[in-house]
Protein backbone atom coordinates (compact mmCIF):
# COMPACT_ATOMS: atom_id res chain seq x y z
CA MET A 1 2.35 0.93 -17.38
CA GLY A 2 5.24 0.96 -14.94
CA TYR A 3 3.56 2.66 -12.00
CA THR A 4 5.64 1.54 -9.00
CA HIS A 5 6.00 1.98 -5.23
CA TYR A 6 9.37 1.59 -3.47
CA TRP A 7 10.21 1.10 0.20
CA LYS A 8 13.12 0.64 2.54
CA PRO A 9 12.16 -1.87 5.24
CA LYS A 10 13.70 -2.57 8.60
CA VAL A 11 13.81 -5.83 10.51
CA SER A 12 10.71 -5.81 12.71
CA ASN A 13 10.12 -7.21 16.17
CA ASP A 14 7.43 -9.87 16.59
CA GLU A 15 4.84 -7.64 18.27
CA ASP A 16 5.11 -4.78 15.77
CA PHE A 17 4.96 -7.08 12.77
CA LYS A 18 1.99 -8.99 14.17
CA ASN A 19 0.16 -5.68 14.71
CA PHE A 20 1.11 -4.52 11.20
CA SER A 21 -0.18 -7.74 9.64
CA LEU A 22 -3.44 -7.68 11.60
CA LEU A 23 -4.07 -4.08 10.56
CA CYS A 24 -3.25 -4.83 6.89
CA LYS A 25 -5.89 -7.56 7.14
CA LYS A 26 -8.30 -5.00 8.59
CA LEU A 27 -7.63 -2.71 5.63
CA ASN A 28 -8.19 -5.66 3.27
CA ASN A 29 -11.48 -6.53 4.99
CA ASN A 30 -12.76 -2.96 4.54
CA LEU A 31 -11.91 -2.41 0.88
CA PRO A 32 -14.47 -0.69 -1.32
CA GLU A 33 -15.91 -2.55 -4.32
CA LYS A 34 -14.16 -0.16 -6.71
CA THR A 35 -11.51 2.54 -6.46
CA ASN A 36 -10.16 5.51 -8.36
CA SER A 37 -6.67 5.10 -6.86
CA ALA A 38 -3.51 5.58 -8.89
CA GLY A 39 -5.18 7.99 -11.27
CA GLY A 40 -8.44 6.06 -11.64
CA PHE A 41 -7.34 4.05 -14.68
CA TYR A 42 -9.39 1.04 -13.52
CA GLU A 43 -12.18 2.80 -11.63
CA ASN A 44 -14.88 0.68 -13.34
CA ASP A 45 -13.24 -2.63 -12.39
CA PHE A 46 -13.88 -4.46 -9.14
CA LEU A 47 -11.20 -4.36 -6.45
CA GLU A 48 -10.43 -7.96 -5.53
CA ILE A 49 -7.41 -9.14 -3.57
CA ALA A 50 -5.74 -12.53 -3.97
CA ASP A 51 -2.44 -14.21 -3.16
CA GLY A 52 0.84 -13.28 -4.80
CA VAL A 53 -0.07 -14.97 -8.09
CA GLY A 54 -3.61 -13.58 -8.19
CA LYS A 55 -5.57 -16.78 -7.61
CA ARG A 56 -6.07 -17.76 -3.95
CA LYS A 57 -6.43 -15.90 -0.65
CA PRO A 58 -3.90 -13.25 0.41
CA THR A 59 -1.57 -13.89 3.36
CA PHE A 60 -1.61 -11.74 6.48
CA ASP A 61 0.26 -13.63 9.21
CA ASN A 62 2.95 -13.16 11.85
CA THR A 63 5.83 -13.35 9.36
CA ILE A 64 4.54 -12.02 6.03
CA VAL A 65 1.99 -9.85 4.26
CA ASN A 66 1.60 -11.04 0.67
CA PHE A 67 -1.07 -10.17 -1.88
CA ASN A 68 -1.85 -9.11 -5.43
CA GLY A 69 -4.88 -8.18 -7.45
CA LYS A 70 -7.08 -11.03 -8.63
CA GLY A 71 -6.94 -12.62 -12.06
CA LYS A 72 -6.44 -10.20 -14.96
CA LEU A 73 -6.21 -7.33 -12.44
CA SER A 74 -3.08 -8.78 -10.83
CA HIS A 75 0.36 -7.46 -11.65
CA GLU A 76 3.33 -7.75 -9.27
CA THR A 77 3.12 -9.23 -5.80
CA PHE A 78 3.16 -6.87 -2.82
CA GLN A 79 5.15 -8.50 -0.04
CA ILE A 80 6.56 -7.35 3.27
CA SER A 81 8.16 -9.88 5.58
CA LYS A 82 9.20 -9.55 9.20
CA THR A 83 12.86 -10.19 8.45
CA CYS A 84 13.29 -8.24 5.21
CA ALA A 85 15.93 -5.51 5.49
CA GLU A 86 16.60 -4.67 1.84
CA TRP A 87 14.78 -2.13 -0.31
CA ASP A 88 11.86 -3.49 -2.26
CA PHE A 89 9.21 -2.40 -4.73
CA CYS A 90 5.86 -3.33 -6.20
CA LYS A 91 4.77 -2.38 -9.70
CA THR A 92 0.95 -2.21 -9.65
CA ALA A 93 0.47 -0.76 -13.14
CA ARG A 94 -2.26 1.40 -11.53
CA LYS A 95 -4.53 -1.63 -11.12
CA PRO A 96 -7.20 -1.51 -8.37
CA TYR A 97 -5.14 -3.38 -5.74
CA ASP A 98 -2.89 -0.31 -5.71
CA LEU A 99 -5.26 1.13 -3.07
CA LEU A 100 -4.34 -1.61 -0.60
CA VAL A 101 -0.64 -1.47 -1.50
CA VAL A 102 -0.42 2.23 -0.66
CA ALA A 103 -2.59 1.91 2.46
CA CYS A 104 -0.30 -0.91 3.71
CA LEU A 105 2.78 1.20 2.96
CA ILE A 106 1.30 4.03 5.03
CA LEU A 107 0.69 1.49 7.79
CA ALA A 108 4.28 0.20 7.48
CA TRP A 109 5.49 3.79 7.91
CA GLN A 110 3.28 4.29 10.95
CA ILE A 111 3.99 0.97 12.71
CA LEU A 112 7.32 -0.34 11.38
CA ASP A 113 9.02 3.01 10.69
CA TYR A 114 9.43 2.24 6.97
CA ARG A 115 9.96 4.98 4.43
CA PHE A 116 8.40 4.75 1.00
CA SER A 117 8.43 6.52 -2.31
CA SER A 118 6.24 6.13 -5.33
CA ASP A 119 5.65 7.16 -8.89
CA GLY A 120 2.56 8.74 -7.32
CA PHE A 121 4.74 11.53 -5.89
CA THR A 122 5.29 14.24 -8.49
CA ASP A 123 7.39 17.38 -8.36
CA TYR A 124 7.01 19.61 -11.40
CA ASN A 125 9.02 22.82 -11.19
CA GLY A 126 8.74 22.90 -7.41
CA LYS A 127 5.00 22.07 -7.32
CA LYS A 128 4.72 18.89 -5.29
CA ASP A 129 1.68 16.66 -5.21
CA CYS A 130 0.73 13.07 -4.61
CA ASP A 131 -2.78 13.13 -6.07
CA ASP A 132 -2.59 9.48 -7.20
CA LEU A 133 -1.95 8.42 -3.57
CA LEU A 134 -4.78 10.45 -2.03
CA PRO A 135 -7.53 7.81 -2.46
CA ALA A 136 -5.38 5.34 -0.48
CA MET A 137 -4.53 7.98 2.12
CA ASN A 138 -8.22 8.80 2.55
CA PHE A 139 -9.10 5.10 2.73
CA TYR A 140 -6.41 4.57 5.37
CA ASN A 141 -7.72 7.50 7.45
CA LYS A 142 -11.32 6.25 7.16
CA VAL A 143 -10.55 2.67 8.22
CA MET A 144 -7.73 3.23 10.72
CA LYS A 145 -9.09 6.45 12.26
CA PRO A 146 -5.65 7.65 13.39
CA GLU A 147 -5.50 10.19 16.21
CA ILE A 148 -3.76 12.53 13.78
CA PRO A 149 -5.07 11.88 10.24
CA ILE A 150 -2.43 11.34 7.56
CA THR A 151 -2.10 14.31 5.21
CA GLU A 152 -0.47 14.85 1.84
CA GLU A 153 2.22 16.93 3.54
CA MET A 154 2.97 14.09 5.95
CA LEU A 155 3.36 11.65 3.05
CA TRP A 156 5.96 13.95 1.50
CA MET A 157 7.76 14.43 4.83
CA GLN A 158 8.07 10.67 5.57
CA ARG A 159 10.15 10.28 2.41
CA GLU A 160 13.00 12.30 3.93
């Protein structure tokens, strides 16, 4: 499956990127055992996060956030670096690590002013939804406890 997320980064200052990375690590440390994100295609598989090639520990440091699913549940590496200024994407194929990818993209929007799009946004004859992104949005709200919780409408608006 080609289920993909896309984003347009900006060059980040040291303090913002450090905060972003620390909070991505917080999200990682609070992951559920399983998830029904991205349509729930792998809801019976365990959600395990590894490095970019799916074998070792993920990276959350002052210059880069880099992770993937683990083993057979890996697909493409999710990576955001402090100095990246070109558009990027991550094809998760709806595997469990998609939950953390989307939660980190929401965080990048909130802290680094990124904008993101996804195959999880659908618009059929004017009916817009992002049902496949809602588990990650709810996870983000639960862990991050933002003053104003992220809503489906806000996810659509940030794309503009």
